[in-house]
Amino acid sequence: MSQTTALTATADAGIWRDDETLECCSVVPEAPNTATFSFVAPSGALFRYEPGQFLTLELPVPGGTVWRTYTISSSPSRPLSISVTVKAQADSIGTRWMLDHLQPGMKIKATGPAGIFTLPTREKKKYLFISAGSGVTPSLSMTTYLFDRGTGTDVILLNCARRPRDIICRQRLEHMASRVPGIKLCFIVEEDDPYQVWTGLRGQLNQLMIGLIAKDYLEREVYCCGPEPFMAAVREMLIALGYDMDNYHQESFQAPVKTEEQVEELDDLILDETAEAEVVFAASEVTATCTETDTLLSVARGAGIVIPSGCTFGVCGTCKIKKTSGQVHMVHNGGISEDDIEAGYILACCSNPIGTVELDV
């Protein structure tokens, strides 16, 4: 068959519909217990979807069929095939079956694509993609789409992983970033790999890192994907940094949604600059009024109370004090341990009073 004939046959096949089975065409290992599975339509149909959408696969595991939803990691700008990048956890059933048994040539049923966690395909904005672990998959699809579009690309991709070897699709992302100056990457790991050099950032994502990695984060549209505790922490950081949360979008590992009506309303605490609060410095016998947006350190200074401080950004831990009663909102950057928090200690520089708060100062 000539190239022209092949292209005509593909065009005549139209767009893939989920009443047609998918045929696995490749399996590429990406990281421990992680692989990218690519599929084609046996009819030659093309795939149409939006960057960030998901597929639901019907998997014939022992004991009965299961249905598992995976974000599409390929880009609609490459419509001849469609891919999902999956990572098996300790209790995985469907994903474990895929890694152990799904091979090129095998066919499975799928439904979709669907989902509203998507990148507008015709808009040109500045983006910040934040992800943890396999939450990088929608970022991978979106970044590939922006790479292929090739004009006005301005994206910073920030991915957190346990170790360097756990970074999913690292080489593919580095390939795109090496060819398009408007794509910038940053990887953060918690631990080093033995006998391998890591020169990137270490630790857990915090406000300081966001500011260092994306200085203009206030001007960027943020897309976030990862475990719920990770996304909740990201939201807290952005709110504390004064980010406009109307420009924030997130997807969940557990519950990707198909329509706006299914989106759960986030109950994040947003401080009110008009709400009055009160801080009682018990040891000094001083009470000061303030607002929720004032930090305890600034209230203390205004009242003539000296609390030792250093970085004033929740890193050094110098301003650690004991809270004896009341509620505060604290977004720190690693300067206090969980044990200290459980014992009632807080950092004055990054804690805001909610109502009446009493301190042992």
Protein backbone atom coordinates (compact mmCIF):
# COMPACT_ATOMS: atom_id res chain seq x y z
CA MET A 1 0.00 0.00 0.00
CA SER A 2 1.41 3.43 -0.92
CA GLN A 3 1.81 6.19 1.67
CA THR A 4 -0.98 8.19 0.04
CA THR A 5 -3.31 5.18 0.12
CA ALA A 6 -2.47 4.52 3.78
CA LEU A 7 -3.22 8.11 4.74
CA THR A 8 -6.49 8.02 2.84
CA ALA A 9 -7.52 4.77 4.55
CA THR A 10 -6.75 6.29 7.96
CA ALA A 11 -8.71 9.43 7.17
CA ASP A 12 -11.66 7.36 5.96
CA ALA A 13 -11.69 5.44 9.24
CA GLY A 14 -12.77 8.59 11.10
CA ILE A 15 -12.54 9.19 14.84
CA TRP A 16 -12.25 6.33 17.35
CA ARG A 17 -15.40 5.55 19.34
CA ASP A 18 -15.38 3.49 22.48
CA ASP A 19 -17.50 0.74 20.95
CA GLU A 20 -14.27 -0.37 19.21
CA THR A 21 -11.68 -2.31 21.19
CA LEU A 22 -8.17 -0.93 21.59
CA GLU A 23 -5.13 -2.91 20.51
CA CYS A 24 -1.97 -2.57 22.59
CA CYS A 25 0.92 -1.56 20.33
CA SER A 26 3.74 -0.92 22.80
CA VAL A 27 4.74 -1.21 26.45
CA VAL A 28 7.54 1.05 27.72
CA PRO A 29 8.90 0.76 31.30
CA GLU A 30 9.18 4.23 32.86
CA ALA A 31 10.12 3.68 36.53
CA PRO A 32 9.79 0.93 39.18
CA ASN A 33 6.30 -0.64 38.82
CA THR A 34 5.46 1.94 36.17
CA ALA A 35 4.96 1.64 32.40
CA THR A 36 3.39 3.45 29.47
CA PHE A 37 0.88 1.40 27.47
CA SER A 38 0.08 2.67 23.98
CA PHE A 39 -2.92 1.59 21.93
CA VAL A 40 -4.16 1.90 18.35
CA ALA A 41 -7.60 1.44 16.86
CA PRO A 42 -7.66 -1.73 14.68
CA SER A 43 -9.80 0.19 12.18
CA GLY A 44 -7.13 2.86 11.81
CA ALA A 45 -9.35 5.50 13.40
CA LEU A 46 -7.76 8.59 14.91
CA PHE A 47 -8.06 9.62 18.57
CA ARG A 48 -9.66 12.92 19.53
CA TYR A 49 -9.55 14.21 23.11
CA GLU A 50 -8.36 17.15 25.18
CA PRO A 51 -5.05 17.23 27.09
CA GLY A 52 -5.73 16.06 30.65
CA GLN A 53 -8.70 13.77 29.96
CA PHE A 54 -8.89 10.12 31.02
CA LEU A 55 -9.82 6.67 29.75
CA THR A 56 -11.55 3.87 31.65
CA LEU A 57 -10.11 0.44 30.79
CA GLU A 58 -11.93 -2.88 31.17
CA LEU A 59 -9.34 -5.30 32.56
CA PRO A 60 -9.90 -9.09 32.65
CA VAL A 61 -8.16 -9.84 35.93
CA PRO A 62 -8.44 -13.25 37.63
CA GLY A 63 -11.62 -13.38 39.68
CA GLY A 64 -13.61 -11.09 37.39
CA THR A 65 -13.43 -7.98 35.25
CA VAL A 66 -12.46 -4.66 36.86
CA TRP A 67 -12.67 -1.14 35.47
CA ARG A 68 -9.82 1.28 36.13
CA THR A 69 -9.55 4.93 35.16
CA TYR A 70 -6.24 6.36 33.94
CA THR A 71 -5.28 9.82 32.74
CA ILE A 72 -4.18 9.86 29.11
CA SER A 73 -0.46 10.61 29.01
CA SER A 74 -0.21 11.07 25.23
CA SER A 75 -1.21 14.24 23.38
CA PRO A 76 -4.14 14.77 20.99
CA SER A 77 -1.61 16.42 18.68
CA ARG A 78 -0.42 12.86 17.94
CA PRO A 79 -3.73 11.17 17.04
CA LEU A 80 -2.53 7.85 15.58
CA SER A 81 -2.31 6.24 19.04
CA ILE A 82 -3.37 6.86 22.62
CA SER A 83 -1.37 6.10 25.78
CA VAL A 84 -1.78 5.73 29.52
CA THR A 85 1.10 5.69 32.01
CA VAL A 86 0.25 3.59 35.05
CA LYS A 87 1.93 2.93 38.38
CA ALA A 88 1.10 -0.08 40.57
CA GLN A 89 0.72 0.38 44.31
CA ALA A 90 1.02 -2.37 46.91
CA ASP A 91 -2.71 -3.13 46.74
CA SER A 92 -3.17 -2.64 42.98
CA ILE A 93 -5.20 -5.23 41.11
CA GLY A 94 -5.93 -3.84 37.64
CA THR A 95 -2.66 -1.97 37.25
CA ARG A 96 -0.70 -4.98 38.50
CA TRP A 97 -2.41 -7.13 35.88
CA MET A 98 -1.48 -4.66 33.16
CA LEU A 99 2.17 -4.63 34.17
CA ASP A 100 2.34 -8.42 34.40
CA HIS A 101 0.17 -9.48 31.45
CA LEU A 102 -0.77 -6.76 28.95
CA GLN A 103 1.41 -7.09 25.85
CA PRO A 104 1.45 -5.71 22.28
CA GLY A 105 -1.20 -7.37 20.14
CA MET A 106 -3.68 -7.87 22.98
CA LYS A 107 -7.06 -6.10 22.78
CA ILE A 108 -9.08 -4.55 25.59
CA LYS A 109 -12.24 -2.50 25.86
CA ALA A 110 -12.19 1.13 26.93
CA THR A 111 -14.65 3.97 27.47
CA GLY A 112 -14.01 7.66 27.08
CA PRO A 113 -12.18 9.91 26.68
CA ALA A 114 -13.79 12.04 29.40
CA GLY A 115 -12.99 14.54 32.12
CA ILE A 116 -12.94 18.29 32.68
CA PHE A 117 -9.38 18.66 34.04
CA THR A 118 -8.22 19.88 30.65
CA LEU A 119 -5.98 22.41 29.01
CA PRO A 120 -7.79 24.80 26.65
CA THR A 121 -6.37 23.86 23.27
CA ARG A 122 -6.56 27.30 21.67
CA GLU A 123 -5.58 29.59 24.52
CA LYS A 124 -2.05 30.87 25.04
CA LYS A 125 -1.33 31.35 28.73
CA LYS A 126 1.53 30.95 31.17
CA TYR A 127 1.23 27.66 33.04
CA LEU A 128 2.59 26.08 36.19
CA PHE A 129 2.05 22.29 36.35
CA ILE A 130 2.53 20.85 39.86
CA SER A 131 2.40 17.10 40.42
CA ALA A 132 3.52 14.25 42.64
CA GLY A 133 4.33 10.70 41.53
CA SER A 134 2.11 9.41 38.75
CA GLY A 135 0.13 12.64 38.99
CA VAL A 136 2.59 13.83 36.36
CA THR A 137 0.57 12.09 33.61
CA PRO A 138 -1.84 14.96 32.79
CA SER A 139 1.11 17.36 32.90
CA LEU A 140 2.89 15.10 30.42
CA SER A 141 -0.05 15.21 28.02
CA MET A 142 -0.44 18.97 28.37
CA THR A 143 3.28 19.66 27.99
CA THR A 144 3.50 17.44 24.89
CA TYR A 145 0.57 19.29 23.38
CA LEU A 146 2.19 22.67 24.04
CA PHE A 147 5.48 21.33 22.65
CA ASP A 148 3.80 20.19 19.45
CA ARG A 149 1.85 23.41 19.06
CA GLY A 150 5.17 25.20 19.16
CA THR A 151 4.13 28.85 19.47
CA GLY A 152 4.06 30.96 22.59
CA THR A 153 4.82 28.05 24.92
CA ASP A 154 5.47 29.15 28.51
CA VAL A 155 5.18 26.32 31.01
CA ILE A 156 6.99 25.37 34.20
CA LEU A 157 6.57 21.73 35.20
CA LEU A 158 7.28 20.87 38.83
CA ASN A 159 7.19 17.19 39.77
CA CYS A 160 7.81 15.63 43.19
CA ALA A 161 9.00 12.06 43.62
CA ARG A 162 10.41 9.90 46.38
CA ARG A 163 13.71 9.19 44.60
CA PRO A 164 15.24 10.20 41.25
CA ARG A 165 14.55 6.75 39.81
CA ASP A 166 10.85 7.23 40.61
CA ILE A 167 10.52 10.27 38.33
CA ILE A 168 8.12 9.15 35.60
CA CYS A 169 8.89 9.92 31.94
CA ARG A 170 11.85 12.07 32.95
CA GLN A 171 13.75 11.55 29.68
CA ARG A 172 10.71 12.42 27.57
CA LEU A 173 10.16 15.64 29.50
CA GLU A 174 13.86 16.54 29.34
CA HIS A 175 13.83 15.94 25.58
CA MET A 176 11.05 18.50 25.10
CA ALA A 177 12.60 21.02 27.50
CA SER A 178 15.96 20.74 25.69
CA ARG A 179 14.35 21.87 22.44
CA VAL A 180 11.84 24.49 23.55
CA PRO A 181 13.15 27.29 25.82
CA GLY A 182 9.60 27.98 26.98
CA ILE A 183 9.40 24.60 28.75
CA LYS A 184 11.20 24.53 32.11
CA LEU A 185 11.45 21.52 34.41
CA CYS A 186 12.08 21.12 38.11
CA PHE A 187 12.15 17.80 39.96
CA ILE A 188 12.08 17.54 43.77
CA VAL A 189 12.98 14.28 45.53
CA GLU A 190 12.77 13.23 49.15
CA GLU A 191 15.69 10.76 49.05
CA ASP A 192 18.80 10.12 46.94
CA ASP A 193 19.34 6.96 44.96
CA PRO A 194 22.34 4.99 46.29
CA TYR A 195 25.55 5.52 44.29
CA GLN A 196 23.93 8.12 42.01
CA VAL A 197 24.47 11.88 42.03
CA TRP A 198 21.43 14.12 42.44
CA THR A 199 22.01 17.86 42.02
CA GLY A 200 18.36 18.97 42.14
CA LEU A 201 16.16 20.00 45.04
CA ARG A 202 15.58 17.70 48.01
CA GLY A 203 12.82 17.62 50.60
CA GLN A 204 9.12 18.33 50.45
CA LEU A 205 7.57 21.06 48.32
CA ASN A 206 7.09 24.33 50.20
CA GLN A 207 6.31 27.99 49.55
CA LEU A 208 9.96 28.95 49.20
CA MET A 209 10.47 26.36 46.48
CA ILE A 210 7.45 27.60 44.53
CA GLY A 211 8.84 31.15 44.63
CA LEU A 212 12.30 30.01 43.55
CA ILE A 213 11.07 27.75 40.75
CA ALA A 214 8.38 30.07 39.37
CA LYS A 215 9.00 33.66 40.43
CA ASP A 216 5.98 34.81 38.44
CA TYR A 217 3.64 32.15 39.86
CA LEU A 218 0.97 34.80 40.53
CA GLU A 219 0.69 35.30 36.75
CA ARG A 220 0.41 31.61 35.89
CA GLU A 221 -2.50 29.21 35.54
CA VAL A 222 -1.84 26.34 37.96
CA TYR A 223 -2.75 22.71 37.21
CA CYS A 224 -2.16 20.30 40.09
CA CYS A 225 -2.45 16.51 40.30
CA GLY A 226 -1.43 14.06 43.00
CA PRO A 227 -2.64 12.42 46.21
CA GLU A 228 -5.24 14.51 48.05
CA PRO A 229 -2.91 15.43 51.00
CA PHE A 230 -0.37 16.73 48.47
CA MET A 231 -2.96 18.82 46.61
CA ALA A 232 -4.35 20.16 49.89
CA ALA A 233 -0.84 21.26 50.89
CA VAL A 234 -0.34 22.97 47.52
CA ARG A 235 -3.63 24.81 47.90
CA GLU A 236 -2.63 26.00 51.37
CA MET A 237 0.70 27.27 50.08
CA LEU A 238 -0.87 29.15 47.19
CA ILE A 239 -3.58 30.70 49.37
CA ALA A 240 -0.95 31.83 51.88
CA LEU A 241 1.07 33.35 49.03
CA GLY A 242 -1.92 35.40 47.88
CA TYR A 243 -2.55 33.43 44.70
CA ASP A 244 -5.88 33.93 42.91
CA MET A 245 -7.46 30.49 43.34
CA ASP A 246 -9.83 31.14 40.43
CA ASN A 247 -6.81 30.24 38.28
CA TYR A 248 -6.18 26.95 40.13
CA HIS A 249 -7.26 23.57 38.70
CA GLN A 250 -6.79 20.12 40.18
CA GLU A 251 -7.39 16.45 39.39
CA SER A 252 -7.61 13.61 41.89
CA PHE A 253 -6.05 10.14 41.87
CA GLN A 254 -9.23 8.72 43.36
CA ALA A 255 -12.06 10.53 41.64
CA PRO A 256 -11.60 12.05 38.20
CA VAL A 257 -14.84 13.79 37.29
CA LYS A 258 -16.67 13.96 33.97
CA THR A 259 -18.81 17.06 34.49
CA GLU A 260 -18.72 20.34 36.42
CA GLU A 261 -21.64 19.12 38.56
CA GLN A 262 -19.46 16.32 39.97
CA VAL A 263 -16.74 18.66 41.18
CA GLU A 264 -16.56 18.77 44.98
CA GLU A 265 -16.39 22.24 46.46
CA LEU A 266 -13.09 22.73 48.27
CA ASP A 267 -13.39 23.79 51.90
CA ASP A 268 -9.98 25.42 52.19
CA LEU A 269 -9.63 28.10 54.84
CA ILE A 270 -9.16 31.52 53.25
CA LEU A 271 -8.31 34.22 55.77
CA ASP A 272 -10.58 37.26 55.92
CA GLU A 273 -8.80 40.60 56.28
CA THR A 274 -11.97 42.12 57.72
CA ALA A 275 -12.48 39.44 60.41
CA GLU A 276 -11.35 40.56 63.86
CA ALA A 277 -9.16 38.39 66.08
CA GLU A 278 -7.56 38.69 69.48
CA VAL A 279 -4.18 37.52 70.76
CA VAL A 280 -3.57 37.07 74.49
CA PHE A 281 0.10 37.08 75.48
CA ALA A 282 -0.48 35.38 78.82
CA ALA A 283 3.01 35.58 80.33
CA SER A 284 3.27 39.29 79.46
CA GLU A 285 -0.31 40.05 80.54
CA VAL A 286 -0.97 41.84 77.22
CA THR A 287 -3.96 41.46 74.89
CA ALA A 288 -3.92 42.78 71.33
CA THR A 289 -6.65 42.99 68.70
CA CYS A 290 -5.88 42.33 65.06
CA THR A 291 -7.31 40.69 61.92
CA GLU A 292 -7.06 37.11 60.67
CA THR A 293 -4.53 38.11 58.04
CA ASP A 294 -2.03 39.39 60.63
CA THR A 295 0.70 36.98 61.69
CA LEU A 296 1.25 36.38 65.38
CA LEU A 297 4.79 37.72 65.00
CA SER A 298 3.57 41.04 63.59
CA VAL A 299 0.92 41.32 66.31
CA ALA A 300 3.55 40.69 68.99
CA ARG A 301 5.86 43.34 67.56
CA GLY A 302 2.98 45.84 67.43
CA ALA A 303 2.23 45.14 71.07
CA GLY A 304 5.87 45.51 72.15
CA ILE A 305 6.31 41.78 72.81
CA VAL A 306 9.69 40.37 71.75
CA ILE A 307 9.57 36.95 70.07
CA PRO A 308 12.96 35.85 68.71
CA SER A 309 12.78 35.38 64.94
CA GLY A 310 15.03 34.72 61.97
CA CYS A 311 13.80 33.94 58.46
CA THR A 312 10.17 35.10 59.08
CA PHE A 313 9.09 32.49 56.52
CA GLY A 314 8.59 29.29 58.53
CA VAL A 315 11.99 27.77 57.77
CA CYS A 316 14.39 28.34 60.66
CA GLY A 317 12.06 27.60 63.60
CA THR A 318 13.45 30.46 65.73
CA CYS A 319 9.99 31.89 66.49
CA LYS A 320 8.55 28.65 67.92
CA ILE A 321 6.16 29.39 70.79
CA LYS A 322 3.57 27.50 72.83
CA LYS A 323 -0.11 28.02 72.07
CA THR A 324 -2.20 27.32 75.16
CA SER A 325 -5.65 27.81 73.61
CA GLY A 326 -7.46 28.91 70.47
CA GLN A 327 -7.04 28.18 66.78
CA VAL A 328 -4.41 29.37 64.33
CA HIS A 329 -3.83 28.81 60.64
CA MET A 330 -0.17 27.87 60.10
CA VAL A 331 1.49 27.30 56.72
CA HIS A 332 5.17 26.66 57.45
CA ASN A 333 8.13 25.65 55.33
CA GLY A 334 9.62 22.88 57.43
CA GLY A 335 10.69 24.87 60.48
CA ILE A 336 8.67 22.84 62.96
CA SER A 337 8.18 19.11 63.51
CA GLU A 338 4.90 17.23 63.66
CA ASP A 339 5.71 16.24 67.25
CA ASP A 340 6.05 19.90 68.23
CA ILE A 341 2.76 20.73 66.51
CA GLU A 342 1.00 17.92 68.38
CA ALA A 343 2.49 19.29 71.61
CA GLY A 344 0.88 22.68 70.93
CA TYR A 345 3.81 24.62 69.49
CA ILE A 346 3.47 26.95 66.52
CA LEU A 347 5.67 29.28 64.49
CA ALA A 348 4.70 32.89 65.11
CA CYS A 349 5.95 34.15 61.75
CA CYS A 350 3.57 32.03 59.66
CA SER A 351 0.60 31.55 62.00
CA ASN A 352 -2.58 33.62 61.76
CA PRO A 353 -5.11 33.87 64.62
CA ILE A 354 -8.67 32.64 64.20
CA GLY A 355 -10.84 34.20 66.88
CA THR A 356 -9.13 34.44 70.26
CA VAL A 357 -5.71 32.82 70.70
CA GLU A 358 -3.70 32.56 73.91
CA LEU A 359 0.08 32.22 73.81
CA ASP A 360 2.59 31.37 76.54
CA VAL A 361 4.63 34.48 75.81
